[in-house]
PDB file of N, CA and C in Angstrom:
ATOM      1  N   MET A   1      13.433   1.536  45.306  1.00  0.00           N
ATOM      2  CA  MET A   1      13.677   0.483  44.157  1.00  0.00           C
ATOM      3  C   MET A   1      13.269   1.096  42.735  1.00  0.00           C
ATOM      4  N   LYS A   2      14.012   0.951  41.967  1.00  0.00           N
ATOM      5  CA  LYS A   2      13.920   1.514  40.391  1.00  0.00           C
ATOM      6  C   LYS A   2      13.507  -0.068  39.477  1.00  0.00           C
ATOM      7  N   PHE A   3      12.429   0.177  38.997  1.00  0.00           N
ATOM      8  CA  PHE A   3      12.187  -0.924  38.090  1.00  0.00           C
ATOM      9  C   PHE A   3      12.119  -0.696  36.663  1.00  0.00           C
ATOM     10  N   GLN A   4      12.013   0.635  36.192  1.00  0.00           N
ATOM     11  CA  GLN A   4      11.983   1.026  34.837  1.00  0.00           C
ATOM     12  C   GLN A   4      13.326   1.182  34.157  1.00  0.00           C
ATOM     13  N   LEU A   5      13.825   0.729  33.142  1.00  0.00           N
ATOM     14  CA  LEU A   5      14.953   1.077  32.348  1.00  0.00           C
ATOM     15  C   LEU A   5      14.851   2.566  31.843  1.00  0.00           C
ATOM     16  N   ASP A   6      16.195   3.031  31.540  1.00  0.00           N
ATOM     17  CA  ASP A   6      16.179   4.467  31.255  1.00  0.00           C
ATOM     18  C   ASP A   6      16.251   4.477  29.723  1.00  0.00           C
ATOM     19  N   GLU A   7      16.607   3.284  29.037  1.00  0.00           N
ATOM     20  CA  GLU A   7      16.507   3.406  27.619  1.00  0.00           C
ATOM     21  C   GLU A   7      15.595   2.509  27.147  1.00  0.00           C
ATOM     22  N   PRO A   8      14.976   2.694  25.965  1.00  0.00           N
ATOM     23  CA  PRO A   8      13.717   1.991  25.309  1.00  0.00           C
ATOM     24  C   PRO A   8      14.413   0.654  24.823  1.00  0.00           C
ATOM     25  N   GLN A   9      13.766  -0.528  25.121  1.00  0.00           N
ATOM     26  CA  GLN A   9      14.138  -1.825  24.804  1.00  0.00           C
ATOM     27  C   GLN A   9      14.272  -1.994  23.233  1.00  0.00           C
ATOM     28  N   GLY A  10      13.572  -1.109  22.290  1.00  0.00           N
ATOM     29  CA  GLY A  10      13.241  -1.827  21.155  1.00  0.00           C
ATOM     30  C   GLY A  10      14.480  -0.780  20.234  1.00  0.00           C
ATOM     31  N   GLY A  11      15.007   0.216  20.729  1.00  0.00           N
ATOM     32  CA  GLY A  11      16.030   0.837  20.021  1.00  0.00           C
ATOM     33  C   GLY A  11      15.402   2.015  19.231  1.00  0.00           C
ATOM     34  N   ASN A  12      14.113   2.209  18.835  1.00  0.00           N
ATOM     35  CA  ASN A  12      13.776   3.305  18.223  1.00  0.00           C
ATOM     36  C   ASN A  12      12.883   4.183  19.225  1.00  0.00           C
ATOM     37  N   SER A  13      13.295   5.417  19.193  1.00  0.00           N
ATOM     38  CA  SER A  13      12.718   6.571  19.895  1.00  0.00           C
ATOM     39  C   SER A  13      12.414   7.877  18.909  1.00  0.00           C
ATOM     40  N   ILE A  14      11.278   8.340  19.130  1.00  0.00           N
ATOM     41  CA  ILE A  14      10.980   9.691  18.642  1.00  0.00           C
ATOM     42  C   ILE A  14      11.407  10.740  19.429  1.00  0.00           C
ATOM     43  N   SER A  15      12.471  11.800  18.967  1.00  0.00           N
ATOM     44  CA  SER A  15      12.984  12.506  19.690  1.00  0.00           C
ATOM     45  C   SER A  15      12.433  13.818  19.593  1.00  0.00           C
ATOM     46  N   ARG A  16      11.742  14.024  18.391  1.00  0.00           N
ATOM     47  CA  ARG A  16      11.152  15.429  18.120  1.00  0.00           C
ATOM     48  C   ARG A  16      10.255  15.487  17.012  1.00  0.00           C
ATOM     49  N   HIS A  17       9.380  16.398  16.938  1.00  0.00           N
ATOM     50  CA  HIS A  17       8.618  16.411  16.005  1.00  0.00           C
ATOM     51  C   HIS A  17       8.049  17.871  15.682  1.00  0.00           C
ATOM     52  N   ASP A  18       7.850  18.724  14.576  1.00  0.00           N
ATOM     53  CA  ASP A  18       7.126  19.702  14.146  1.00  0.00           C
ATOM     54  C   ASP A  18       6.364  19.595  12.706  1.00  0.00           C
ATOM     55  N   ALA A  19       6.045  20.578  12.338  1.00  0.00           N
ATOM     56  CA  ALA A  19       5.298  20.757  11.167  1.00  0.00           C
ATOM     57  C   ALA A  19       6.188  20.206  10.176  1.00  0.00           C
ATOM     58  N   GLN A  20       7.389  20.179   9.880  1.00  0.00           N
ATOM     59  CA  GLN A  20       8.202  19.748   8.903  1.00  0.00           C
ATOM     60  C   GLN A  20       8.575  18.183   8.911  1.00  0.00           C
ATOM     61  N   GLY A  21       8.291  17.597  10.068  1.00  0.00           N
ATOM     62  CA  GLY A  21       8.633  16.306  10.460  1.00  0.00           C
ATOM     63  C   GLY A  21       8.889  15.677  11.581  1.00  0.00           C
ATOM     64  N   VAL A  22       9.435  14.347  11.643  1.00  0.00           N
ATOM     65  CA  VAL A  22       9.898  13.949  12.861  1.00  0.00           C
ATOM     66  C   VAL A  22      11.373  13.567  13.132  1.00  0.00           C
ATOM     67  N   TRP A  23      11.840  13.135  14.203  1.00  0.00           N
ATOM     68  CA  TRP A  23      13.155  12.932  14.421  1.00  0.00           C
ATOM     69  C   TRP A  23      13.155  11.428  14.992  1.00  0.00           C
ATOM     70  N   VAL A  24      13.538  10.419  14.325  1.00  0.00           N
ATOM     71  CA  VAL A  24      13.627   9.218  15.114  1.00  0.00           C
ATOM     72  C   VAL A  24      15.084   8.819  15.334  1.00  0.00           C
ATOM     73  N   ASN A  25      15.651   8.375  16.418  1.00  0.00           N
ATOM     74  CA  ASN A  25      17.061   8.125  16.727  1.00  0.00           C
ATOM     75  C   ASN A  25      17.747   9.263  16.077  1.00  0.00           C
ATOM     76  N   GLY A  26      17.310  10.676  16.417  1.00  0.00           N
ATOM     77  CA  GLY A  26      18.214  11.491  16.064  1.00  0.00           C
ATOM     78  C   GLY A  26      18.273  11.698  14.368  1.00  0.00           C
ATOM     79  N   GLN A  27      17.405  11.222  13.598  1.00  0.00           N
ATOM     80  CA  GLN A  27      17.520  11.161  12.208  1.00  0.00           C
ATOM     81  C   GLN A  27      16.262  11.929  11.534  1.00  0.00           C
ATOM     82  N   PRO A  28      16.309  13.136  10.922  1.00  0.00           N
ATOM     83  CA  PRO A  28      15.073  13.685  10.491  1.00  0.00           C
ATOM     84  C   PRO A  28      14.246  13.028   9.376  1.00  0.00           C
ATOM     85  N   HIS A  29      12.912  13.063   9.280  1.00  0.00           N
ATOM     86  CA  HIS A  29      12.224  12.137   8.345  1.00  0.00           C
ATOM     87  C   HIS A  29      11.031  13.288   8.099  1.00  0.00           C
ATOM     88  N   THR A  30      11.086  13.747   6.778  1.00  0.00           N
ATOM     89  CA  THR A  30      10.102  14.947   6.561  1.00  0.00           C
ATOM     90  C   THR A  30       8.972  14.292   5.704  1.00  0.00           C
ATOM     91  N   ALA A  31       9.134  13.173   5.389  1.00  0.00           N
ATOM     92  CA  ALA A  31       7.738  12.546   4.752  1.00  0.00           C
ATOM     93  C   ALA A  31       7.068  11.558   5.539  1.00  0.00           C
ATOM     94  N   SER A  32       5.961  11.006   5.217  1.00  0.00           N
ATOM     95  CA  SER A  32       5.248   9.924   6.268  1.00  0.00           C
ATOM     96  C   SER A  32       6.144   9.069   6.374  1.00  0.00           C
ATOM     97  N   VAL A  33       6.210   8.290   7.474  1.00  0.00           N
ATOM     98  CA  VAL A  33       6.948   7.045   7.894  1.00  0.00           C
ATOM     99  C   VAL A  33       5.935   6.147   8.592  1.00  0.00           C
ATOM    100  N   LEU A  34       6.764   4.786   8.751  1.00  0.00           N
ATOM    101  CA  LEU A  34       6.211   3.964   9.808  1.00  0.00           C
ATOM    102  C   LEU A  34       7.358   3.635  10.510  1.00  0.00           C
ATOM    103  N   VAL A  35       7.286   3.635  11.975  1.00  0.00           N
ATOM    104  CA  VAL A  35       8.292   3.593  12.890  1.00  0.00           C
ATOM    105  C   VAL A  35       8.021   2.448  14.018  1.00  0.00           C
ATOM    106  N   PRO A  36       8.549   1.181  13.509  1.00  0.00           N
ATOM    107  CA  PRO A  36       8.390  -0.015  14.372  1.00  0.00           C
ATOM    108  C   PRO A  36       9.130   0.094  15.582  1.00  0.00           C
ATOM    109  N   TRP A  37       8.790  -0.696  16.618  1.00  0.00           N
ATOM    110  CA  TRP A  37       9.593  -0.869  17.713  1.00  0.00           C
ATOM    111  C   TRP A  37      11.005  -1.314  17.486  1.00  0.00           C
ATOM    112  N   LYS A  38      10.976  -2.154  16.810  1.00  0.00           N
ATOM    113  CA  LYS A  38      12.322  -2.745  16.540  1.00  0.00           C
ATOM    114  C   LYS A  38      12.355  -2.422  14.868  1.00  0.00           C
ATOM    115  N   GLY A  39      13.712  -2.334  14.706  1.00  0.00           N
ATOM    116  CA  GLY A  39      14.039  -2.313  13.163  1.00  0.00           C
ATOM    117  C   GLY A  39      13.949  -1.101  12.677  1.00  0.00           C
ATOM    118  N   SER A  40      14.150  -1.021  11.205  1.00  0.00           N
ATOM    119  CA  SER A  40      14.244   0.171  10.402  1.00  0.00           C
ATOM    120  C   SER A  40      12.925   1.276  10.282  1.00  0.00           C
ATOM    121  N   VAL A  41      13.249   2.390  10.344  1.00  0.00           N
ATOM    122  CA  VAL A  41      11.956   3.377  10.057  1.00  0.00           C
ATOM    123  C   VAL A  41      11.654   2.976   8.219  1.00  0.00           C
ATOM    124  N   VAL A  42      10.469   2.955   7.879  1.00  0.00           N
ATOM    125  CA  VAL A  42      10.173   2.546   6.784  1.00  0.00           C
ATOM    126  C   VAL A  42       9.385   3.872   5.939  1.00  0.00           C
ATOM    127  N   ALA A  43       9.683   4.333   4.768  1.00  0.00           N
ATOM    128  CA  ALA A  43       8.990   5.301   4.315  1.00  0.00           C
ATOM    129  C   ALA A  43       7.572   4.848   3.897  1.00  0.00           C
ATOM    130  N   TRP A  44       6.605   5.707   4.313  1.00  0.00           N
ATOM    131  CA  TRP A  44       5.399   5.311   3.932  1.00  0.00           C
ATOM    132  C   TRP A  44       4.444   6.086   2.849  1.00  0.00           C
ATOM    133  N   ALA A  45       3.771   5.829   1.941  1.00  0.00           N
ATOM    134  CA  ALA A  45       3.540   6.449   0.778  1.00  0.00           C
ATOM    135  C   ALA A  45       2.658   7.650   0.690  1.00  0.00           C
ATOM    136  N   PRO A  46       1.696   7.579   1.792  1.00  0.00           N
ATOM    137  CA  PRO A  46       0.409   8.962   1.636  1.00  0.00           C
ATOM    138  C   PRO A  46       1.220  10.196   2.239  1.00  0.00           C
ATOM    139  N   SER A  47       1.025  11.130   1.454  1.00  0.00           N
ATOM    140  CA  SER A  47       1.446  12.384   1.844  1.00  0.00           C
ATOM    141  C   SER A  47       0.301  13.544   2.208  1.00  0.00           C
ATOM    142  N   ARG A  48      -0.613  12.779   1.988  1.00  0.00           N
ATOM    143  CA  ARG A  48      -2.149  13.801   2.378  1.00  0.00           C
ATOM    144  C   ARG A  48      -3.124  12.764   2.832  1.00  0.00           C
ATOM    145  N   PHE A  49      -3.843  13.057   3.984  1.00  0.00           N
ATOM    146  CA  PHE A  49      -4.886  12.372   4.540  1.00  0.00           C
ATOM    147  C   PHE A  49      -5.996  11.746   3.570  1.00  0.00           C
ATOM    148  N   GLU A  50      -6.278  12.501   2.615  1.00  0.00           N
ATOM    149  CA  GLU A  50      -7.192  12.523   1.428  1.00  0.00           C
ATOM    150  C   GLU A  50      -6.510  11.252   0.530  1.00  0.00           C
ATOM    151  N   GLU A  51      -5.387  11.172   0.617  1.00  0.00           N
ATOM    152  CA  GLU A  51      -4.587   9.804  -0.152  1.00  0.00           C
ATOM    153  C   GLU A  51      -4.902   8.605   0.435  1.00  0.00           C
ATOM    154  N   LEU A  52      -5.270   8.304   1.605  1.00  0.00           N
ATOM    155  CA  LEU A  52      -5.130   7.007   2.270  1.00  0.00           C
ATOM    156  C   LEU A  52      -6.031   6.273   1.628  1.00  0.00           C
ATOM    157  N   GLN A  53      -5.382   4.820   1.210  1.00  0.00           N
ATOM    158  CA  GLN A  53      -6.149   3.931   0.669  1.00  0.00           C
ATOM    159  C   GLN A  53      -5.583   2.657   1.427  1.00  0.00           C
ATOM    160  N   PRO A  54      -6.503   1.355   1.136  1.00  0.00           N
ATOM    161  CA  PRO A  54      -6.184   0.126   1.815  1.00  0.00           C
ATOM    162  C   PRO A  54      -4.889  -0.320   1.734  1.00  0.00           C
ATOM    163  N   VAL A  55      -4.211   0.122   0.725  1.00  0.00           N
ATOM    164  CA  VAL A  55      -2.891  -0.429   0.488  1.00  0.00           C
ATOM    165  C   VAL A  55      -1.841   0.048   1.422  1.00  0.00           C
ATOM    166  N   HIS A  56      -1.906   1.263   2.014  1.00  0.00           N
ATOM    167  CA  HIS A  56      -1.338   1.982   2.720  1.00  0.00           C
ATOM    168  C   HIS A  56      -1.448   0.979   4.216  1.00  0.00           C
ATOM    169  N   PHE A  57      -2.483   0.501   4.578  1.00  0.00           N
ATOM    170  CA  PHE A  57      -2.479   0.073   5.777  1.00  0.00           C
ATOM    171  C   PHE A  57      -2.229  -1.386   5.612  1.00  0.00           C
ATOM    172  N   GLU A  58      -2.422  -2.042   4.395  1.00  0.00           N
ATOM    173  CA  GLU A  58      -1.631  -3.423   4.037  1.00  0.00           C
ATOM    174  C   GLU A  58      -0.060  -3.434   4.457  1.00  0.00           C
ATOM    175  N   ALA A  59       0.545  -1.979   4.166  1.00  0.00           N
ATOM    176  CA  ALA A  59       1.884  -1.945   4.268  1.00  0.00           C
ATOM    177  C   ALA A  59       2.126  -2.072   5.822  1.00  0.00           C
ATOM    178  N   ILE A  60       1.374  -1.492   6.842  1.00  0.00           N
ATOM    179  CA  ILE A  60       1.195  -1.671   8.039  1.00  0.00           C
ATOM    180  C   ILE A  60       1.392  -3.068   8.656  1.00  0.00           C
ATOM    181  N   GLN A  61       0.183  -3.671   8.121  1.00  0.00           N
ATOM    182  CA  GLN A  61      -0.122  -5.166   8.515  1.00  0.00           C
ATOM    183  C   GLN A  61       1.109  -5.801   8.408  1.00  0.00           C
ATOM    184  N   ALA A  62       1.934  -5.736   7.141  1.00  0.00           N
ATOM    185  CA  ALA A  62       3.032  -6.474   6.842  1.00  0.00           C
ATOM    186  C   ALA A  62       4.130  -6.330   7.748  1.00  0.00           C
ATOM    187  N   LEU A  63       4.102  -5.411   8.702  1.00  0.00           N
ATOM    188  CA  LEU A  63       5.393  -5.183   9.687  1.00  0.00           C
ATOM    189  C   LEU A  63       4.804  -5.929  10.930  1.00  0.00           C
ATOM    190  N   ASN A  64       3.623  -6.475  11.166  1.00  0.00           N
ATOM    191  CA  ASN A  64       2.956  -7.288  12.177  1.00  0.00           C
ATOM    192  C   ASN A  64       3.276  -6.641  13.362  1.00  0.00           C
ATOM    193  N   PRO A  65       2.811  -5.543  13.704  1.00  0.00           N
ATOM    194  CA  PRO A  65       2.603  -4.946  14.830  1.00  0.00           C
ATOM    195  C   PRO A  65       1.615  -5.444  15.805  1.00  0.00           C
ATOM    196  N   GLU A  66       1.827  -5.319  17.011  1.00  0.00           N
ATOM    197  CA  GLU A  66       0.734  -5.541  18.167  1.00  0.00           C
ATOM    198  C   GLU A  66      -0.419  -4.432  18.255  1.00  0.00           C
ATOM    199  N   LEU A  67       0.187  -3.395  18.120  1.00  0.00           N
ATOM    200  CA  LEU A  67      -0.404  -2.136  18.156  1.00  0.00           C
ATOM    201  C   LEU A  67      -0.135  -0.943  17.240  1.00  0.00           C
ATOM    202  N   VAL A  68      -0.953  -0.358  16.548  1.00  0.00           N
ATOM    203  CA  VAL A  68      -0.917   0.781  15.717  1.00  0.00           C
ATOM    204  C   VAL A  68      -1.106   2.000  16.231  1.00  0.00           C
ATOM    205  N   VAL A  69      -0.176   3.152  16.535  1.00  0.00           N
ATOM    206  CA  VAL A  69      -0.605   4.378  16.849  1.00  0.00           C
ATOM    207  C   VAL A  69      -0.549   5.115  15.686  1.00  0.00           C
ATOM    208  N   PHE A  70      -1.776   5.829  15.075  1.00  0.00           N
ATOM    209  CA  PHE A  70      -1.787   6.303  13.516  1.00  0.00           C
ATOM    210  C   PHE A  70      -1.560   7.821  14.117  1.00  0.00           C
ATOM    211  N   GLY A  71      -0.623   8.666  13.755  1.00  0.00           N
ATOM    212  CA  GLY A  71      -0.725   9.832  13.727  1.00  0.00           C
ATOM    213  C   GLY A  71      -1.230  10.723  12.515  1.00  0.00           C
ATOM    214  N   SER A  72      -2.365  11.463  12.636  1.00  0.00           N
ATOM    215  CA  SER A  72      -3.384  11.742  11.660  1.00  0.00           C
ATOM    216  C   SER A  72      -2.459  13.308  11.073  1.00  0.00           C
ATOM    217  N   GLY A  73      -1.523  13.903  11.688  1.00  0.00           N
ATOM    218  CA  GLY A  73      -0.953  15.105  11.255  1.00  0.00           C
ATOM    219  C   GLY A  73      -1.202  16.061  12.429  1.00  0.00           C
ATOM    220  N   ALA A  74      -1.334  17.424  12.028  1.00  0.00           N
ATOM    221  CA  ALA A  74      -1.504  18.276  13.047  1.00  0.00           C
ATOM    222  C   ALA A  74      -2.647  18.356  13.712  1.00  0.00           C
ATOM    223  N   THR A  75      -3.664  17.574  12.844  1.00  0.00           N
ATOM    224  CA  THR A  75      -5.166  17.779  13.785  1.00  0.00           C
ATOM    225  C   THR A  75      -5.510  16.271  13.850  1.00  0.00           C
ATOM    226  N   LEU A  76      -6.353  16.096  14.480  1.00  0.00           N
ATOM    227  CA  LEU A  76      -7.052  14.790  14.844  1.00  0.00           C
ATOM    228  C   LEU A  76      -8.071  14.404  13.784  1.00  0.00           C
ATOM    229  N   ARG A  77      -7.998  13.453  12.901  1.00  0.00           N
ATOM    230  CA  ARG A  77      -8.727  13.102  11.931  1.00  0.00           C
ATOM    231  C   ARG A  77      -8.915  11.492  11.855  1.00  0.00           C
ATOM    232  N   PHE A  78      -9.946  10.913  11.723  1.00  0.00           N
ATOM    233  CA  PHE A  78     -10.346   9.560  11.762  1.00  0.00           C
ATOM    234  C   PHE A  78     -10.435   8.893  10.351  1.00  0.00           C
ATOM    235  N   PRO A  79      -9.523   8.092   9.823  1.00  0.00           N
ATOM    236  CA  PRO A  79      -9.594   7.527   8.625  1.00  0.00           C
ATOM    237  C   PRO A  79     -10.960   6.432   8.558  1.00  0.00           C
ATOM    238  N   SER A  80     -11.403   6.234   7.503  1.00  0.00           N
ATOM    239  CA  SER A  80     -12.610   5.429   7.187  1.00  0.00           C
ATOM    240  C   SER A  80     -12.180   4.045   8.050  1.00  0.00           C
ATOM    241  N   PRO A  81     -13.119   3.472   8.542  1.00  0.00           N
ATOM    242  CA  PRO A  81     -12.981   2.252   9.238  1.00  0.00           C
ATOM    243  C   PRO A  81     -12.620   0.976   8.108  1.00  0.00           C
ATOM    244  N   ALA A  82     -13.133   1.207   7.126  1.00  0.00           N
ATOM    245  CA  ALA A  82     -13.011   0.548   5.931  1.00  0.00           C
ATOM    246  C   ALA A  82     -11.315   0.498   5.395  1.00  0.00           C
ATOM    247  N   LEU A  83     -10.793   1.546   5.983  1.00  0.00           N
ATOM    248  CA  LEU A  83      -9.302   1.490   5.433  1.00  0.00           C
ATOM    249  C   LEU A  83      -8.305   0.546   6.189  1.00  0.00           C
ATOM    250  N   TRP A  84      -8.759   0.599   7.476  1.00  0.00           N
ATOM    251  CA  TRP A  84      -8.087  -0.334   8.632  1.00  0.00           C
ATOM    252  C   TRP A  84      -8.607  -1.317   9.291  1.00  0.00           C
ATOM    253  N   ARG A  85     -10.085  -1.980   8.425  1.00  0.00           N
ATOM    254  CA  ARG A  85     -10.667  -3.042   8.864  1.00  0.00           C
ATOM    255  C   ARG A  85      -9.848  -4.148   8.928  1.00  0.00           C
ATOM    256  N   ARG A  86      -8.857  -4.552   7.918  1.00  0.00           N
ATOM    257  CA  ARG A  86      -7.847  -5.677   7.929  1.00  0.00           C
ATOM    258  C   ARG A  86      -7.090  -5.723   8.986  1.00  0.00           C
ATOM    259  N   LEU A  87      -6.513  -4.657   9.647  1.00  0.00           N
ATOM    260  CA  LEU A  87      -5.831  -4.704  10.859  1.00  0.00           C
ATOM    261  C   LEU A  87      -6.674  -5.042  12.062  1.00  0.00           C
ATOM    262  N   VAL A  88      -7.898  -4.890  12.150  1.00  0.00           N
ATOM    263  CA  VAL A  88      -8.678  -5.303  13.261  1.00  0.00           C
ATOM    264  C   VAL A  88      -9.099  -6.838  12.976  1.00  0.00           C
ATOM    265  N   GLU A  89      -9.485  -7.265  12.044  1.00  0.00           N
ATOM    266  CA  GLU A  89      -9.495  -8.746  11.616  1.00  0.00           C
ATOM    267  C   GLU A  89      -8.143  -9.449  12.070  1.00  0.00           C
ATOM    268  N   ALA A  90      -7.072  -8.684  11.817  1.00  0.00           N
ATOM    269  CA  ALA A  90      -6.086  -9.422  12.383  1.00  0.00           C
ATOM    270  C   ALA A  90      -5.542  -9.329  13.744  1.00  0.00           C
ATOM    271  N   ARG A  91      -6.284  -8.820  14.329  1.00  0.00           N
ATOM    272  CA  ARG A  91      -6.305  -8.601  15.845  1.00  0.00           C
ATOM    273  C   ARG A  91      -5.313  -7.728  16.361  1.00  0.00           C
ATOM    274  N   ILE A  92      -4.944  -6.627  15.305  1.00  0.00           N
ATOM    275  CA  ILE A  92      -4.045  -5.458  15.705  1.00  0.00           C
ATOM    276  C   ILE A  92      -4.792  -4.241  16.046  1.00  0.00           C
ATOM    277  N   GLY A  93      -4.145  -3.721  17.194  1.00  0.00           N
ATOM    278  CA  GLY A  93      -4.830  -2.753  17.836  1.00  0.00           C
ATOM    279  C   GLY A  93      -4.546  -1.412  17.042  1.00  0.00           C
ATOM    280  N   PHE A  94      -5.474  -0.503  16.968  1.00  0.00           N
ATOM    281  CA  PHE A  94      -5.360   0.562  15.852  1.00  0.00           C
ATOM    282  C   PHE A  94      -5.947   1.802  16.711  1.00  0.00           C
ATOM    283  N   GLU A  95      -5.318   2.982  17.064  1.00  0.00           N
ATOM    284  CA  GLU A  95      -5.427   4.175  17.651  1.00  0.00           C
ATOM    285  C   GLU A  95      -5.377   5.283  16.899  1.00  0.00           C
ATOM    286  N   VAL A  96      -6.169   6.527  16.847  1.00  0.00           N
ATOM    287  CA  VAL A  96      -5.841   7.371  16.163  1.00  0.00           C
ATOM    288  C   VAL A  96      -5.577   8.567  16.881  1.00  0.00           C
ATOM    289  N   MET A  97      -4.657   9.389  16.864  1.00  0.00           N
ATOM    290  CA  MET A  97      -4.174  10.704  17.563  1.00  0.00           C
ATOM    291  C   MET A  97      -3.671  11.672  16.502  1.00  0.00           C
ATOM    292  N   ASP A  98      -3.834  12.851  16.803  1.00  0.00           N
ATOM    293  CA  ASP A  98      -2.673  13.667  16.403  1.00  0.00           C
ATOM    294  C   ASP A  98      -1.145  13.397  16.247  1.00  0.00           C
ATOM    295  N   ILE A  99      -0.365  13.768  15.673  1.00  0.00           N
ATOM    296  CA  ILE A  99       0.889  13.556  15.373  1.00  0.00           C
ATOM    297  C   ILE A  99       1.726  13.737  16.908  1.00  0.00           C
ATOM    298  N   ALA A 100       1.535  14.725  17.466  1.00  0.00           N
ATOM    299  CA  ALA A 100       2.063  14.789  18.629  1.00  0.00           C
ATOM    300  C   ALA A 100       1.887  14.033  19.725  1.00  0.00           C
ATOM    301  N   ALA A 101       0.361  13.688  19.924  1.00  0.00           N
ATOM    302  CA  ALA A 101       0.106  12.564  20.655  1.00  0.00           C
ATOM    303  C   ALA A 101       0.750  11.266  20.576  1.00  0.00           C
ATOM    304  N   ALA A 102       0.510  10.892  18.932  1.00  0.00           N
ATOM    305  CA  ALA A 102       0.990   9.771  18.706  1.00  0.00           C
ATOM    306  C   ALA A 102       2.664   9.547  18.963  1.00  0.00           C
ATOM    307  N   CYS A 103       3.335  10.613  18.816  1.00  0.00           N
ATOM    308  CA  CYS A 103       4.724  10.473  19.068  1.00  0.00           C
ATOM    309  C   CYS A 103       4.912  10.195  20.583  1.00  0.00           C
ATOM    310  N   ARG A 104       4.085  10.862  21.437  1.00  0.00           N
ATOM    311  CA  ARG A 104       4.475  10.384  22.761  1.00  0.00           C
ATOM    312  C   ARG A 104       3.794   9.147  23.272  1.00  0.00           C
ATOM    313  N   THR A 105       2.942   8.972  22.599  1.00  0.00           N
ATOM    314  CA  THR A 105       2.318   7.439  23.186  1.00  0.00           C
ATOM    315  C   THR A 105       3.258   6.358  22.678  1.00  0.00           C
ATOM    316  N   TYR A 106       3.534   6.532  21.240  1.00  0.00           N
ATOM    317  CA  TYR A 106       4.626   5.535  20.887  1.00  0.00           C
ATOM    318  C   TYR A 106       5.984   5.396  21.783  1.00  0.00           C
ATOM    319  N   ASN A 107       6.403   6.511  22.014  1.00  0.00           N
ATOM    320  CA  ASN A 107       7.502   6.401  22.970  1.00  0.00           C
ATOM    321  C   ASN A 107       7.255   5.561  24.375  1.00  0.00           C
ATOM    322  N   VAL A 108       6.217   5.714  25.061  1.00  0.00           N
ATOM    323  CA  VAL A 108       5.763   5.288  26.356  1.00  0.00           C
ATOM    324  C   VAL A 108       5.683   3.834  26.174  1.00  0.00           C
ATOM    325  N   LEU A 109       4.915   3.576  25.012  1.00  0.00           N
ATOM    326  CA  LEU A 109       4.748   2.218  24.586  1.00  0.00           C
ATOM    327  C   LEU A 109       5.997   1.362  24.332  1.00  0.00           C
ATOM    328  N   ALA A 110       6.816   2.119  23.538  1.00  0.00           N
ATOM    329  CA  ALA A 110       8.029   1.453  23.018  1.00  0.00           C
ATOM    330  C   ALA A 110       8.954   1.059  24.286  1.00  0.00           C
ATOM    331  N   SER A 111       9.012   2.079  25.175  1.00  0.00           N
ATOM    332  CA  SER A 111       9.730   1.875  26.608  1.00  0.00           C
ATOM    333  C   SER A 111       9.444   0.869  27.277  1.00  0.00           C
ATOM    334  N   GLU A 112       8.108   0.634  27.090  1.00  0.00           N
ATOM    335  CA  GLU A 112       7.716  -0.677  27.948  1.00  0.00           C
ATOM    336  C   GLU A 112       7.817  -1.902  27.155  1.00  0.00           C
ATOM    337  N   GLY A 113       8.358  -2.096  26.200  1.00  0.00           N
ATOM    338  CA  GLY A 113       8.848  -3.169  25.236  1.00  0.00           C
ATOM    339  C   GLY A 113       7.564  -3.708  24.618  1.00  0.00           C
ATOM    340  N   ARG A 114       6.680  -3.004  24.283  1.00  0.00           N
ATOM    341  CA  ARG A 114       5.717  -3.205  23.588  1.00  0.00           C
ATOM    342  C   ARG A 114       5.698  -3.159  22.166  1.00  0.00           C
ATOM    343  N   ASN A 115       5.217  -4.209  21.202  1.00  0.00           N
ATOM    344  CA  ASN A 115       5.504  -4.448  19.791  1.00  0.00           C
ATOM    345  C   ASN A 115       4.601  -3.325  19.142  1.00  0.00           C
ATOM    346  N   VAL A 116       4.894  -2.082  19.189  1.00  0.00           N
ATOM    347  CA  VAL A 116       3.871  -1.009  18.741  1.00  0.00           C
ATOM    348  C   VAL A 116       4.734  -0.404  17.456  1.00  0.00           C
ATOM    349  N   LEU A 117       3.763   0.044  16.528  1.00  0.00           N
ATOM    350  CA  LEU A 117       4.222   0.836  15.420  1.00  0.00           C
ATOM    351  C   LEU A 117       3.593   2.049  15.322  1.00  0.00           C
ATOM    352  N   ALA A 118       4.352   3.180  14.860  1.00  0.00           N
ATOM    353  CA  ALA A 118       3.896   4.526  14.643  1.00  0.00           C
ATOM    354  C   ALA A 118       3.657   4.464  13.143  1.00  0.00           C
ATOM    355  N   ALA A 119       2.567   5.185  12.627  1.00  0.00           N
ATOM    356  CA  ALA A 119       2.129   5.467  11.453  1.00  0.00           C
ATOM    357  C   ALA A 119       2.019   6.623  11.470  1.00  0.00           C
ATOM    358  N   LEU A 120       3.159   7.602  10.885  1.00  0.00           N
ATOM    359  CA  LEU A 120       2.916   8.914  11.099  1.00  0.00           C
ATOM    360  C   LEU A 120       2.730   9.716   9.944  1.00  0.00           C
ATOM    361  N   LEU A 121       1.654  10.349   9.744  1.00  0.00           N
ATOM    362  CA  LEU A 121       1.307  10.862   8.358  1.00  0.00           C
ATOM    363  C   LEU A 121       1.902  12.517   8.583  1.00  0.00           C
ATOM    364  N   ILE A 122       2.833  12.732   7.504  1.00  0.00           N
ATOM    365  CA  ILE A 122       3.337  13.835   7.540  1.00  0.00           C
ATOM    366  C   ILE A 122       3.311  14.721   6.268  1.00  0.00           C
ATOM    367  N   GLU A 123       2.219  15.463   6.248  1.00  0.00           N
ATOM    368  CA  GLU A 123       1.658  16.035   4.861  1.00  0.00           C
ATOM    369  C   GLU A 123       2.716  17.182   4.561  1.00  0.00           C
ATOM    370  N   GLY A 124       3.120  17.252   3.369  1.00  0.00           N
ATOM    371  CA  GLY A 124       4.163  18.127   2.799  1.00  0.00           C
ATOM    372  C   GLY A 124       3.540  18.884   1.718  1.00  0.00           C
TER     373      GLY A 124
END
């Protein structure tokens, strides 16, 4: 007996990623993006890890996710906890991964119907 649906319930799915960007629902994105479980993909301002500021994480919080999967780029890098402290205070989960792992994790969680958001840093 099969219990899992073949299609993600939220509608957004990351189908591909490489050094130039990510493809969400077949559409390429070559700059940093926020990918919510449901709704439109949103452009995200930082273009380099060193540019991350609290205001970037406020944009994440405004989308009201249950869990954030932060893709830090090609390598795993942890942003200062001071940057994402407000997410924790709002009881929003925050996980840091390289972009490849973040895309895979996002797809699994979205397919389970979780209110997940992928914050993907695409450095150009």
